[in-house]
Amino acid sequence: MTDQIPVSRTTDHGTAKLMPDVDRERAWLLTVDGAPQSYVDLDDPAYLEFEYARRLGFALDAVAAEGVPLDVVHLGGGALTLPRYVAATRPGSRQDVVEADRGLLELVAEHLPLPRGSGVVTHADDARAWLEGAPDDHADVLVADVFGGSRIPAQTSTLAYARAAERVLRPGGVYLANLADAAPFGFLRAQLANLAAVFEELALIAEPAVLRGRRFGNAVVVASHRPLDIATMARRSAADAFPARVEHGASVREFIGSARPVEDAGAVPSPEPPAGAFGIG
């Protein structure tokens, strides 16, 4: 049984802390350099604490019929929240998790081990480098939740990266990403422009206050060559404790506006969040 005491360790990319949740017996919050990264309940891996994680879960649930196993690639590992979710809700799934911080992977494996037979394989590697070396048609779903501290790295925010993601997905595969931005949404619009140049179908899931530019926040992007199950994602997002809206079709194209895809030479990380944007209450 996991000891319910905080753990702090200097890893390859920062100071990682695992803090127990006093309200849930075997639940843990992972922070890196003070920024919340993951929340895991070892007794209930289908429980998703963070709002953006639930929205990614809603989109994952809409990819295929309930319980159908999937081959999933996760770029960005953290405490493996979504790989645990997929393993619990879609037994038999095969999952690759790519995390640049080897020390973080070792910390999580030591204190929050995956159940035997989870089907999850971890890779200590740079997300873009691993993706560019992966075979064609490798996955049904690719989930990108890549953050260096509280910012999305420049190398995973370009058109070339989007093309690599599309190549690794099977025909009909679905790309999901957790992004963060605020008005005037220069970064988010450019990311959608990258994906619009590669995929036919796009959807954007975010809280209305974020979409209206009232505050900095997360936005989940969904992209595919096949029609997306907008109705299911919209219904579940609207019913969440923190309701979100799903935009798609013409509204997403209008949101992109005049934004252009980003070439590698002009790539920048996502904006620095304002103080307290992702703070721990």
C-alpha atoms as a PDB file:
ATOM      1  CA  MET A   1       0.000   0.000   0.000  1.00  0.00           C
ATOM      2  CA  THR A   2       1.269   3.476  -0.874  1.00  0.00           C
ATOM      3  CA  ASP A   3       2.441   5.544   2.107  1.00  0.00           C
ATOM      4  CA  GLN A   4       0.252   8.597   2.497  1.00  0.00           C
ATOM      5  CA  ILE A   5       3.049  11.076   3.072  1.00  0.00           C
ATOM      6  CA  PRO A   6       4.210  13.792   0.674  1.00  0.00           C
ATOM      7  CA  VAL A   7       7.132  12.974  -1.592  1.00  0.00           C
ATOM      8  CA  SER A   8       9.474  15.527  -3.156  1.00  0.00           C
ATOM      9  CA  ARG A   9      12.265  14.791  -5.612  1.00  0.00           C
ATOM     10  CA  THR A  10      14.445  16.724  -8.020  1.00  0.00           C
ATOM     11  CA  THR A  11      13.943  15.096 -11.406  1.00  0.00           C
ATOM     12  CA  ASP A  12      15.462  15.801 -14.824  1.00  0.00           C
ATOM     13  CA  HIS A  13      13.288  18.841 -15.497  1.00  0.00           C
ATOM     14  CA  GLY A  14      12.386  20.293 -12.112  1.00  0.00           C
ATOM     15  CA  THR A  15      11.172  19.576  -8.612  1.00  0.00           C
ATOM     16  CA  ALA A  16       8.348  17.057  -8.564  1.00  0.00           C
ATOM     17  CA  LYS A  17       6.066  16.679  -5.555  1.00  0.00           C
ATOM     18  CA  LEU A  18       3.459  14.031  -4.832  1.00  0.00           C
ATOM     19  CA  MET A  19       0.916  15.184  -2.262  1.00  0.00           C
ATOM     20  CA  PRO A  20      -1.856  12.980  -0.854  1.00  0.00           C
ATOM     21  CA  ASP A  21      -5.457  14.137  -1.012  1.00  0.00           C
ATOM     22  CA  VAL A  22      -6.878  14.083   2.503  1.00  0.00           C
ATOM     23  CA  ASP A  23     -10.391  13.551   1.113  1.00  0.00           C
ATOM     24  CA  ARG A  24      -9.641  10.415  -0.942  1.00  0.00           C
ATOM     25  CA  GLU A  25      -7.749   7.534   0.623  1.00  0.00           C
ATOM     26  CA  ARG A  26      -5.240   6.711  -2.146  1.00  0.00           C
ATOM     27  CA  ALA A  27      -5.383   9.817  -4.311  1.00  0.00           C
ATOM     28  CA  TRP A  28      -2.395  11.992  -5.190  1.00  0.00           C
ATOM     29  CA  LEU A  29      -1.652  15.372  -6.739  1.00  0.00           C
ATOM     30  CA  LEU A  30       1.549  15.726  -8.780  1.00  0.00           C
ATOM     31  CA  THR A  31       3.133  19.155  -9.143  1.00  0.00           C
ATOM     32  CA  VAL A  32       6.315  20.105 -10.994  1.00  0.00           C
ATOM     33  CA  ASP A  33       7.949  23.346  -9.901  1.00  0.00           C
ATOM     34  CA  GLY A  34       4.693  24.235  -8.167  1.00  0.00           C
ATOM     35  CA  ALA A  35       2.479  23.804 -11.229  1.00  0.00           C
ATOM     36  CA  PRO A  36      -0.222  21.108 -10.905  1.00  0.00           C
ATOM     37  CA  GLN A  37       0.419  18.384 -13.485  1.00  0.00           C
ATOM     38  CA  SER A  38      -1.710  15.359 -12.623  1.00  0.00           C
ATOM     39  CA  TYR A  39      -4.198  13.937 -10.172  1.00  0.00           C
ATOM     40  CA  VAL A  40      -4.494  10.178  -9.690  1.00  0.00           C
ATOM     41  CA  ASP A  41      -6.806   8.058  -7.553  1.00  0.00           C
ATOM     42  CA  LEU A  42      -5.225   4.609  -7.366  1.00  0.00           C
ATOM     43  CA  ASP A  43      -8.496   3.050  -6.145  1.00  0.00           C
ATOM     44  CA  ASP A  44     -10.609   4.706  -8.862  1.00  0.00           C
ATOM     45  CA  PRO A  45      -8.514   5.381 -11.994  1.00  0.00           C
ATOM     46  CA  ALA A  46     -11.634   6.435 -13.898  1.00  0.00           C
ATOM     47  CA  TYR A  47     -11.993   9.424 -11.556  1.00  0.00           C
ATOM     48  CA  LEU A  48     -10.710  12.589 -13.268  1.00  0.00           C
ATOM     49  CA  GLU A  49     -10.245  15.546 -10.916  1.00  0.00           C
ATOM     50  CA  PHE A  50      -9.031  18.239 -13.310  1.00  0.00           C
ATOM     51  CA  GLU A  51     -11.616  19.818 -15.610  1.00  0.00           C
ATOM     52  CA  TYR A  52      -9.413  19.583 -18.706  1.00  0.00           C
ATOM     53  CA  ALA A  53      -8.746  15.895 -17.991  1.00  0.00           C
ATOM     54  CA  ARG A  54     -12.492  15.213 -17.837  1.00  0.00           C
ATOM     55  CA  ARG A  55     -12.929  16.938 -21.212  1.00  0.00           C
ATOM     56  CA  LEU A  56     -10.189  14.794 -22.699  1.00  0.00           C
ATOM     57  CA  GLY A  57     -11.996  11.826 -21.147  1.00  0.00           C
ATOM     58  CA  PHE A  58     -15.278  12.868 -22.756  1.00  0.00           C
ATOM     59  CA  ALA A  59     -13.540  12.997 -26.133  1.00  0.00           C
ATOM     60  CA  LEU A  60     -11.819   9.645 -25.559  1.00  0.00           C
ATOM     61  CA  ASP A  61     -15.152   8.081 -24.631  1.00  0.00           C
ATOM     62  CA  ALA A  62     -16.645   9.331 -27.918  1.00  0.00           C
ATOM     63  CA  VAL A  63     -13.936   7.797 -30.134  1.00  0.00           C
ATOM     64  CA  ALA A  64     -15.415   4.282 -30.104  1.00  0.00           C
ATOM     65  CA  ALA A  65     -18.181   2.260 -28.498  1.00  0.00           C
ATOM     66  CA  GLU A  66     -17.988   1.793 -24.731  1.00  0.00           C
ATOM     67  CA  GLY A  67     -15.299  -0.653 -23.632  1.00  0.00           C
ATOM     68  CA  VAL A  68     -13.737  -1.188 -27.075  1.00  0.00           C
ATOM     69  CA  PRO A  69      -9.924  -1.425 -26.705  1.00  0.00           C
ATOM     70  CA  LEU A  70      -7.861   1.253 -28.441  1.00  0.00           C
ATOM     71  CA  ASP A  71      -4.230   1.786 -29.341  1.00  0.00           C
ATOM     72  CA  VAL A  72      -3.356   5.140 -27.774  1.00  0.00           C
ATOM     73  CA  VAL A  73      -0.236   7.309 -27.764  1.00  0.00           C
ATOM     74  CA  HIS A  74       0.113   9.860 -24.968  1.00  0.00           C
ATOM     75  CA  LEU A  75       2.618  12.659 -25.458  1.00  0.00           C
ATOM     76  CA  GLY A  76       3.330  13.924 -21.957  1.00  0.00           C
ATOM     77  CA  GLY A  77       3.101  11.498 -19.074  1.00  0.00           C
ATOM     78  CA  GLY A  78       2.807  13.222 -15.718  1.00  0.00           C
ATOM     79  CA  ALA A  79       1.370  10.709 -13.249  1.00  0.00           C
ATOM     80  CA  LEU A  80      -0.263   8.744 -16.115  1.00  0.00           C
ATOM     81  CA  THR A  81      -3.798   9.897 -15.333  1.00  0.00           C
ATOM     82  CA  LEU A  82      -5.303   9.339 -18.780  1.00  0.00           C
ATOM     83  CA  PRO A  83      -3.430   6.075 -19.489  1.00  0.00           C
ATOM     84  CA  ARG A  84      -4.901   4.742 -16.234  1.00  0.00           C
ATOM     85  CA  TYR A  85      -8.328   6.011 -17.306  1.00  0.00           C
ATOM     86  CA  VAL A  86      -8.138   4.239 -20.675  1.00  0.00           C
ATOM     87  CA  ALA A  87      -6.852   1.026 -19.074  1.00  0.00           C
ATOM     88  CA  ALA A  88      -9.802   1.069 -16.660  1.00  0.00           C
ATOM     89  CA  THR A  89     -12.530   2.016 -19.150  1.00  0.00           C
ATOM     90  CA  ARG A  90     -11.184   0.126 -22.177  1.00  0.00           C
ATOM     91  CA  PRO A  91      -9.431  -3.023 -20.887  1.00  0.00           C
ATOM     92  CA  GLY A  92      -7.064  -4.576 -23.404  1.00  0.00           C
ATOM     93  CA  SER A  93      -5.972  -1.247 -24.845  1.00  0.00           C
ATOM     94  CA  ARG A  94      -2.321  -0.853 -25.846  1.00  0.00           C
ATOM     95  CA  GLN A  95      -0.807   2.465 -24.822  1.00  0.00           C
ATOM     96  CA  ASP A  96       2.512   4.239 -25.344  1.00  0.00           C
ATOM     97  CA  VAL A  97       3.355   7.100 -22.978  1.00  0.00           C
ATOM     98  CA  VAL A  98       6.142   9.479 -23.987  1.00  0.00           C
ATOM     99  CA  GLU A  99       7.596  11.612 -21.190  1.00  0.00           C
ATOM    100  CA  ALA A 100      10.839  13.586 -21.512  1.00  0.00           C
ATOM    101  CA  ASP A 101      11.546  13.524 -17.772  1.00  0.00           C
ATOM    102  CA  ARG A 102      12.978  10.077 -16.998  1.00  0.00           C
ATOM    103  CA  GLY A 103      13.258  10.917 -13.308  1.00  0.00           C
ATOM    104  CA  LEU A 104       9.553  11.763 -13.189  1.00  0.00           C
ATOM    105  CA  LEU A 105       8.663   8.432 -14.787  1.00  0.00           C
ATOM    106  CA  GLU A 106      10.799   6.674 -12.166  1.00  0.00           C
ATOM    107  CA  LEU A 107       9.137   8.608  -9.323  1.00  0.00           C
ATOM    108  CA  VAL A 108       5.656   7.729 -10.564  1.00  0.00           C
ATOM    109  CA  ALA A 109       6.566   4.074 -11.119  1.00  0.00           C
ATOM    110  CA  GLU A 110       7.937   3.861  -7.570  1.00  0.00           C
ATOM    111  CA  HIS A 111       5.105   5.573  -5.695  1.00  0.00           C
ATOM    112  CA  LEU A 112       2.077   5.247  -8.011  1.00  0.00           C
ATOM    113  CA  PRO A 113       2.694   1.964  -9.846  1.00  0.00           C
ATOM    114  CA  LEU A 114       0.448   0.855 -12.665  1.00  0.00           C
ATOM    115  CA  PRO A 115      -1.536  -2.345 -12.119  1.00  0.00           C
ATOM    116  CA  ARG A 116      -0.033  -5.482 -13.627  1.00  0.00           C
ATOM    117  CA  GLY A 117      -1.209  -6.078 -17.191  1.00  0.00           C
ATOM    118  CA  SER A 118      -2.198  -2.446 -17.761  1.00  0.00           C
ATOM    119  CA  GLY A 119      -0.960  -2.501 -21.361  1.00  0.00           C
ATOM    120  CA  VAL A 120       0.932   0.778 -20.786  1.00  0.00           C
ATOM    121  CA  VAL A 121       4.526   1.147 -22.005  1.00  0.00           C
ATOM    122  CA  THR A 122       6.470   4.273 -21.003  1.00  0.00           C
ATOM    123  CA  HIS A 123       9.209   5.900 -23.079  1.00  0.00           C
ATOM    124  CA  ALA A 124      11.656   8.474 -21.687  1.00  0.00           C
ATOM    125  CA  ASP A 125      11.988  10.642 -24.782  1.00  0.00           C
ATOM    126  CA  ASP A 126      11.220  14.010 -26.303  1.00  0.00           C
ATOM    127  CA  ALA A 127       7.625  14.031 -27.552  1.00  0.00           C
ATOM    128  CA  ARG A 128       8.347  15.351 -31.040  1.00  0.00           C
ATOM    129  CA  ALA A 129      11.457  13.204 -31.531  1.00  0.00           C
ATOM    130  CA  TRP A 130       9.552  10.054 -30.535  1.00  0.00           C
ATOM    131  CA  LEU A 131       6.624  10.979 -32.761  1.00  0.00           C
ATOM    132  CA  GLU A 132       8.830  11.562 -35.788  1.00  0.00           C
ATOM    133  CA  GLY A 133      10.429   8.141 -35.259  1.00  0.00           C
ATOM    134  CA  ALA A 134       7.134   6.276 -34.757  1.00  0.00           C
ATOM    135  CA  PRO A 135       5.720   4.117 -37.573  1.00  0.00           C
ATOM    136  CA  ASP A 136       2.855   5.159 -39.824  1.00  0.00           C
ATOM    137  CA  ASP A 137      -0.696   4.166 -38.797  1.00  0.00           C
ATOM    138  CA  HIS A 138       0.454   3.288 -35.271  1.00  0.00           C
ATOM    139  CA  ALA A 139      -2.453   4.523 -33.132  1.00  0.00           C
ATOM    140  CA  ASP A 140      -6.208   5.015 -32.984  1.00  0.00           C
ATOM    141  CA  VAL A 141      -5.844   8.048 -30.699  1.00  0.00           C
ATOM    142  CA  LEU A 142      -3.018  10.465 -29.975  1.00  0.00           C
ATOM    143  CA  VAL A 143      -3.337  12.545 -26.802  1.00  0.00           C
ATOM    144  CA  ALA A 144      -0.993  15.534 -26.481  1.00  0.00           C
ATOM    145  CA  ASP A 145      -0.629  17.017 -23.001  1.00  0.00           C
ATOM    146  CA  VAL A 146       2.923  18.278 -23.303  1.00  0.00           C
ATOM    147  CA  PHE A 147       4.021  20.991 -20.893  1.00  0.00           C
ATOM    148  CA  GLY A 148       7.434  22.226 -19.879  1.00  0.00           C
ATOM    149  CA  GLY A 149       6.465  23.607 -16.477  1.00  0.00           C
ATOM    150  CA  SER A 150       3.316  25.591 -17.262  1.00  0.00           C
ATOM    151  CA  ARG A 151       4.023  26.220 -20.974  1.00  0.00           C
ATOM    152  CA  ILE A 152       3.614  24.112 -24.103  1.00  0.00           C
ATOM    153  CA  PRO A 153       7.001  23.732 -25.833  1.00  0.00           C
ATOM    154  CA  ALA A 154       7.543  25.397 -29.203  1.00  0.00           C
ATOM    155  CA  GLN A 155       8.524  22.140 -30.942  1.00  0.00           C
ATOM    156  CA  THR A 156       5.060  20.667 -30.390  1.00  0.00           C
ATOM    157  CA  SER A 157       3.247  23.737 -31.717  1.00  0.00           C
ATOM    158  CA  THR A 158       4.092  23.663 -35.437  1.00  0.00           C
ATOM    159  CA  LEU A 159       2.633  22.462 -38.720  1.00  0.00           C
ATOM    160  CA  ALA A 160       5.400  19.872 -39.090  1.00  0.00           C
ATOM    161  CA  TYR A 161       4.455  18.449 -35.684  1.00  0.00           C
ATOM    162  CA  ALA A 162       0.766  18.309 -36.701  1.00  0.00           C
ATOM    163  CA  ARG A 163       1.716  16.436 -39.876  1.00  0.00           C
ATOM    164  CA  ALA A 164       3.766  13.949 -37.875  1.00  0.00           C
ATOM    165  CA  ALA A 165       0.799  13.366 -35.568  1.00  0.00           C
ATOM    166  CA  GLU A 166      -1.509  12.764 -38.540  1.00  0.00           C
ATOM    167  CA  ARG A 167       0.957  10.270 -40.044  1.00  0.00           C
ATOM    168  CA  VAL A 168       1.157   8.228 -36.835  1.00  0.00           C
ATOM    169  CA  LEU A 169      -2.640   8.034 -36.575  1.00  0.00           C
ATOM    170  CA  ARG A 170      -4.572   5.395 -38.489  1.00  0.00           C
ATOM    171  CA  PRO A 171      -7.204   6.433 -41.028  1.00  0.00           C
ATOM    172  CA  GLY A 172     -10.094   7.658 -38.911  1.00  0.00           C
ATOM    173  CA  GLY A 173      -7.826   8.197 -35.924  1.00  0.00           C
ATOM    174  CA  VAL A 174      -8.428  11.054 -33.504  1.00  0.00           C
ATOM    175  CA  TYR A 175      -5.986  13.668 -32.229  1.00  0.00           C
ATOM    176  CA  LEU A 176      -6.625  15.283 -28.829  1.00  0.00           C
ATOM    177  CA  ALA A 177      -4.643  18.075 -27.233  1.00  0.00           C
ATOM    178  CA  ASN A 178      -4.759  20.066 -24.028  1.00  0.00           C
ATOM    179  CA  LEU A 179      -3.768  23.657 -24.792  1.00  0.00           C
ATOM    180  CA  ALA A 180      -3.752  26.851 -22.730  1.00  0.00           C
ATOM    181  CA  ASP A 181      -4.137  30.483 -23.759  1.00  0.00           C
ATOM    182  CA  ALA A 182      -6.023  33.736 -23.165  1.00  0.00           C
ATOM    183  CA  ALA A 183      -7.426  36.509 -25.336  1.00  0.00           C
ATOM    184  CA  PRO A 184      -6.501  37.468 -28.021  1.00  0.00           C
ATOM    185  CA  PHE A 185      -5.703  33.723 -28.435  1.00  0.00           C
ATOM    186  CA  GLY A 186      -2.732  34.090 -30.767  1.00  0.00           C
ATOM    187  CA  PHE A 187      -1.293  30.742 -29.690  1.00  0.00           C
ATOM    188  CA  LEU A 188      -4.581  28.802 -29.700  1.00  0.00           C
ATOM    189  CA  ARG A 189      -5.680  30.170 -33.078  1.00  0.00           C
ATOM    190  CA  ALA A 190      -2.337  29.212 -34.614  1.00  0.00           C
ATOM    191  CA  GLN A 191      -2.605  25.670 -33.190  1.00  0.00           C
ATOM    192  CA  LEU A 192      -6.052  25.293 -34.732  1.00  0.00           C
ATOM    193  CA  ALA A 193      -4.680  26.633 -38.028  1.00  0.00           C
ATOM    194  CA  ASN A 194      -1.982  23.925 -37.927  1.00  0.00           C
ATOM    195  CA  LEU A 195      -4.596  21.224 -37.423  1.00  0.00           C
ATOM    196  CA  ALA A 196      -7.012  22.676 -39.994  1.00  0.00           C
ATOM    197  CA  ALA A 197      -4.248  22.357 -42.592  1.00  0.00           C
ATOM    198  CA  VAL A 198      -3.969  18.629 -41.856  1.00  0.00           C
ATOM    199  CA  PHE A 199      -7.379  17.348 -40.660  1.00  0.00           C
ATOM    200  CA  GLU A 200     -10.885  17.826 -42.069  1.00  0.00           C
ATOM    201  CA  GLU A 201     -12.764  17.838 -38.755  1.00  0.00           C
ATOM    202  CA  LEU A 202     -12.042  20.059 -35.751  1.00  0.00           C
ATOM    203  CA  ALA A 203     -13.704  20.709 -32.405  1.00  0.00           C
ATOM    204  CA  LEU A 204     -12.796  22.953 -29.492  1.00  0.00           C
ATOM    205  CA  ILE A 205     -13.926  22.340 -25.890  1.00  0.00           C
ATOM    206  CA  ALA A 206     -13.563  25.096 -23.293  1.00  0.00           C
ATOM    207  CA  GLU A 207     -15.415  26.997 -20.615  1.00  0.00           C
ATOM    208  CA  PRO A 208     -17.458  29.910 -21.976  1.00  0.00           C
ATOM    209  CA  ALA A 209     -15.502  32.387 -19.828  1.00  0.00           C
ATOM    210  CA  VAL A 210     -12.271  31.271 -21.464  1.00  0.00           C
ATOM    211  CA  LEU A 211     -13.716  31.417 -24.999  1.00  0.00           C
ATOM    212  CA  ARG A 212     -15.072  34.910 -24.295  1.00  0.00           C
ATOM    213  CA  GLY A 213     -11.600  36.055 -23.308  1.00  0.00           C
ATOM    214  CA  ARG A 214     -12.439  36.741 -19.681  1.00  0.00           C
ATOM    215  CA  ARG A 215      -9.619  34.649 -18.255  1.00  0.00           C
ATOM    216  CA  PHE A 216      -6.651  32.416 -19.045  1.00  0.00           C
ATOM    217  CA  GLY A 217      -7.536  28.733 -19.228  1.00  0.00           C
ATOM    218  CA  ASN A 218      -7.357  25.334 -20.865  1.00  0.00           C
ATOM    219  CA  ALA A 219      -8.888  24.411 -24.188  1.00  0.00           C
ATOM    220  CA  VAL A 220      -9.171  20.848 -25.474  1.00  0.00           C
ATOM    221  CA  VAL A 221      -8.798  20.432 -29.228  1.00  0.00           C
ATOM    222  CA  VAL A 222     -10.137  17.401 -31.129  1.00  0.00           C
ATOM    223  CA  ALA A 223      -9.149  16.689 -34.752  1.00  0.00           C
ATOM    224  CA  SER A 224      -9.784  13.854 -37.199  1.00  0.00           C
ATOM    225  CA  HIS A 225     -10.437  12.983 -40.811  1.00  0.00           C
ATOM    226  CA  ARG A 226     -13.787  11.444 -39.864  1.00  0.00           C
ATOM    227  CA  PRO A 227     -16.884  13.128 -38.444  1.00  0.00           C
ATOM    228  CA  LEU A 228     -16.624  13.620 -34.693  1.00  0.00           C
ATOM    229  CA  ASP A 229     -19.310  12.659 -32.189  1.00  0.00           C
ATOM    230  CA  ILE A 230     -20.065  16.276 -31.329  1.00  0.00           C
ATOM    231  CA  ALA A 231     -23.402  15.495 -29.687  1.00  0.00           C
ATOM    232  CA  THR A 232     -21.886  13.164 -27.078  1.00  0.00           C
ATOM    233  CA  MET A 233     -18.998  15.497 -26.278  1.00  0.00           C
ATOM    234  CA  ALA A 234     -21.307  18.512 -26.063  1.00  0.00           C
ATOM    235  CA  ARG A 235     -23.828  16.769 -23.820  1.00  0.00           C
ATOM    236  CA  ARG A 236     -21.230  15.540 -21.344  1.00  0.00           C
ATOM    237  CA  SER A 237     -19.263  18.799 -21.365  1.00  0.00           C
ATOM    238  CA  ALA A 238     -22.401  20.804 -20.656  1.00  0.00           C
ATOM    239  CA  ALA A 239     -23.407  18.501 -17.784  1.00  0.00           C
ATOM    240  CA  ASP A 240     -20.010  18.703 -16.060  1.00  0.00           C
ATOM    241  CA  ALA A 241     -19.608  20.390 -12.672  1.00  0.00           C
ATOM    242  CA  PHE A 242     -17.680  23.092 -14.568  1.00  0.00           C
ATOM    243  CA  PRO A 243     -19.705  23.271 -17.806  1.00  0.00           C
ATOM    244  CA  ALA A 244     -17.873  23.682 -21.074  1.00  0.00           C
ATOM    245  CA  ARG A 245     -18.980  24.458 -24.607  1.00  0.00           C
ATOM    246  CA  VAL A 246     -18.084  22.510 -27.744  1.00  0.00           C
ATOM    247  CA  GLU A 247     -17.405  24.559 -30.863  1.00  0.00           C
ATOM    248  CA  HIS A 248     -17.045  22.918 -34.275  1.00  0.00           C
ATOM    249  CA  GLY A 249     -17.452  23.526 -37.974  1.00  0.00           C
ATOM    250  CA  ALA A 250     -18.018  27.142 -39.003  1.00  0.00           C
ATOM    251  CA  SER A 251     -17.557  28.499 -35.474  1.00  0.00           C
ATOM    252  CA  VAL A 252     -14.055  26.996 -35.257  1.00  0.00           C
ATOM    253  CA  ARG A 253     -13.128  28.389 -38.682  1.00  0.00           C
ATOM    254  CA  GLU A 254     -14.397  31.787 -37.541  1.00  0.00           C
ATOM    255  CA  PHE A 255     -12.334  31.505 -34.356  1.00  0.00           C
ATOM    256  CA  ILE A 256      -9.184  30.720 -36.387  1.00  0.00           C
ATOM    257  CA  GLY A 257      -9.785  33.848 -38.461  1.00  0.00           C
ATOM    258  CA  SER A 258      -6.630  35.028 -40.217  1.00  0.00           C
ATOM    259  CA  ALA A 259      -4.257  32.877 -38.150  1.00  0.00           C
ATOM    260  CA  ARG A 260      -1.739  30.946 -40.218  1.00  0.00           C
ATOM    261  CA  PRO A 261       0.002  27.615 -39.569  1.00  0.00           C
ATOM    262  CA  VAL A 262       3.298  27.890 -37.691  1.00  0.00           C
ATOM    263  CA  GLU A 263       6.555  26.866 -39.352  1.00  0.00           C
ATOM    264  CA  ASP A 264       9.363  25.503 -37.169  1.00  0.00           C
ATOM    265  CA  ALA A 265      11.469  28.638 -37.629  1.00  0.00           C
ATOM    266  CA  GLY A 266       8.750  30.850 -36.161  1.00  0.00           C
ATOM    267  CA  ALA A 267       7.545  28.584 -33.353  1.00  0.00           C
ATOM    268  CA  VAL A 268       7.186  29.885 -29.798  1.00  0.00           C
ATOM    269  CA  PRO A 269       5.965  28.274 -26.563  1.00  0.00           C
ATOM    270  CA  SER A 270       2.467  28.927 -25.269  1.00  0.00           C
ATOM    271  CA  PRO A 271       2.055  32.118 -23.200  1.00  0.00           C
ATOM    272  CA  GLU A 272       3.226  32.254 -19.619  1.00  0.00           C
ATOM    273  CA  PRO A 273       0.080  31.877 -17.493  1.00  0.00           C
ATOM    274  CA  PRO A 274      -0.702  34.703 -15.088  1.00  0.00           C
ATOM    275  CA  ALA A 275       0.178  34.184 -11.449  1.00  0.00           C
ATOM    276  CA  GLY A 276      -2.279  31.823  -9.807  1.00  0.00           C
ATOM    277  CA  ALA A 277      -3.848  30.612 -13.065  1.00  0.00           C
ATOM    278  CA  PHE A 278      -3.036  26.997 -12.232  1.00  0.00           C
ATOM    279  CA  GLY A 279      -2.387  27.449  -8.544  1.00  0.00           C
ATOM    280  CA  ILE A 280      -3.272  24.985  -5.881  1.00  0.00           C
ATOM    281  CA  GLY A 281      -6.144  25.971  -3.661  1.00  0.00           C
END
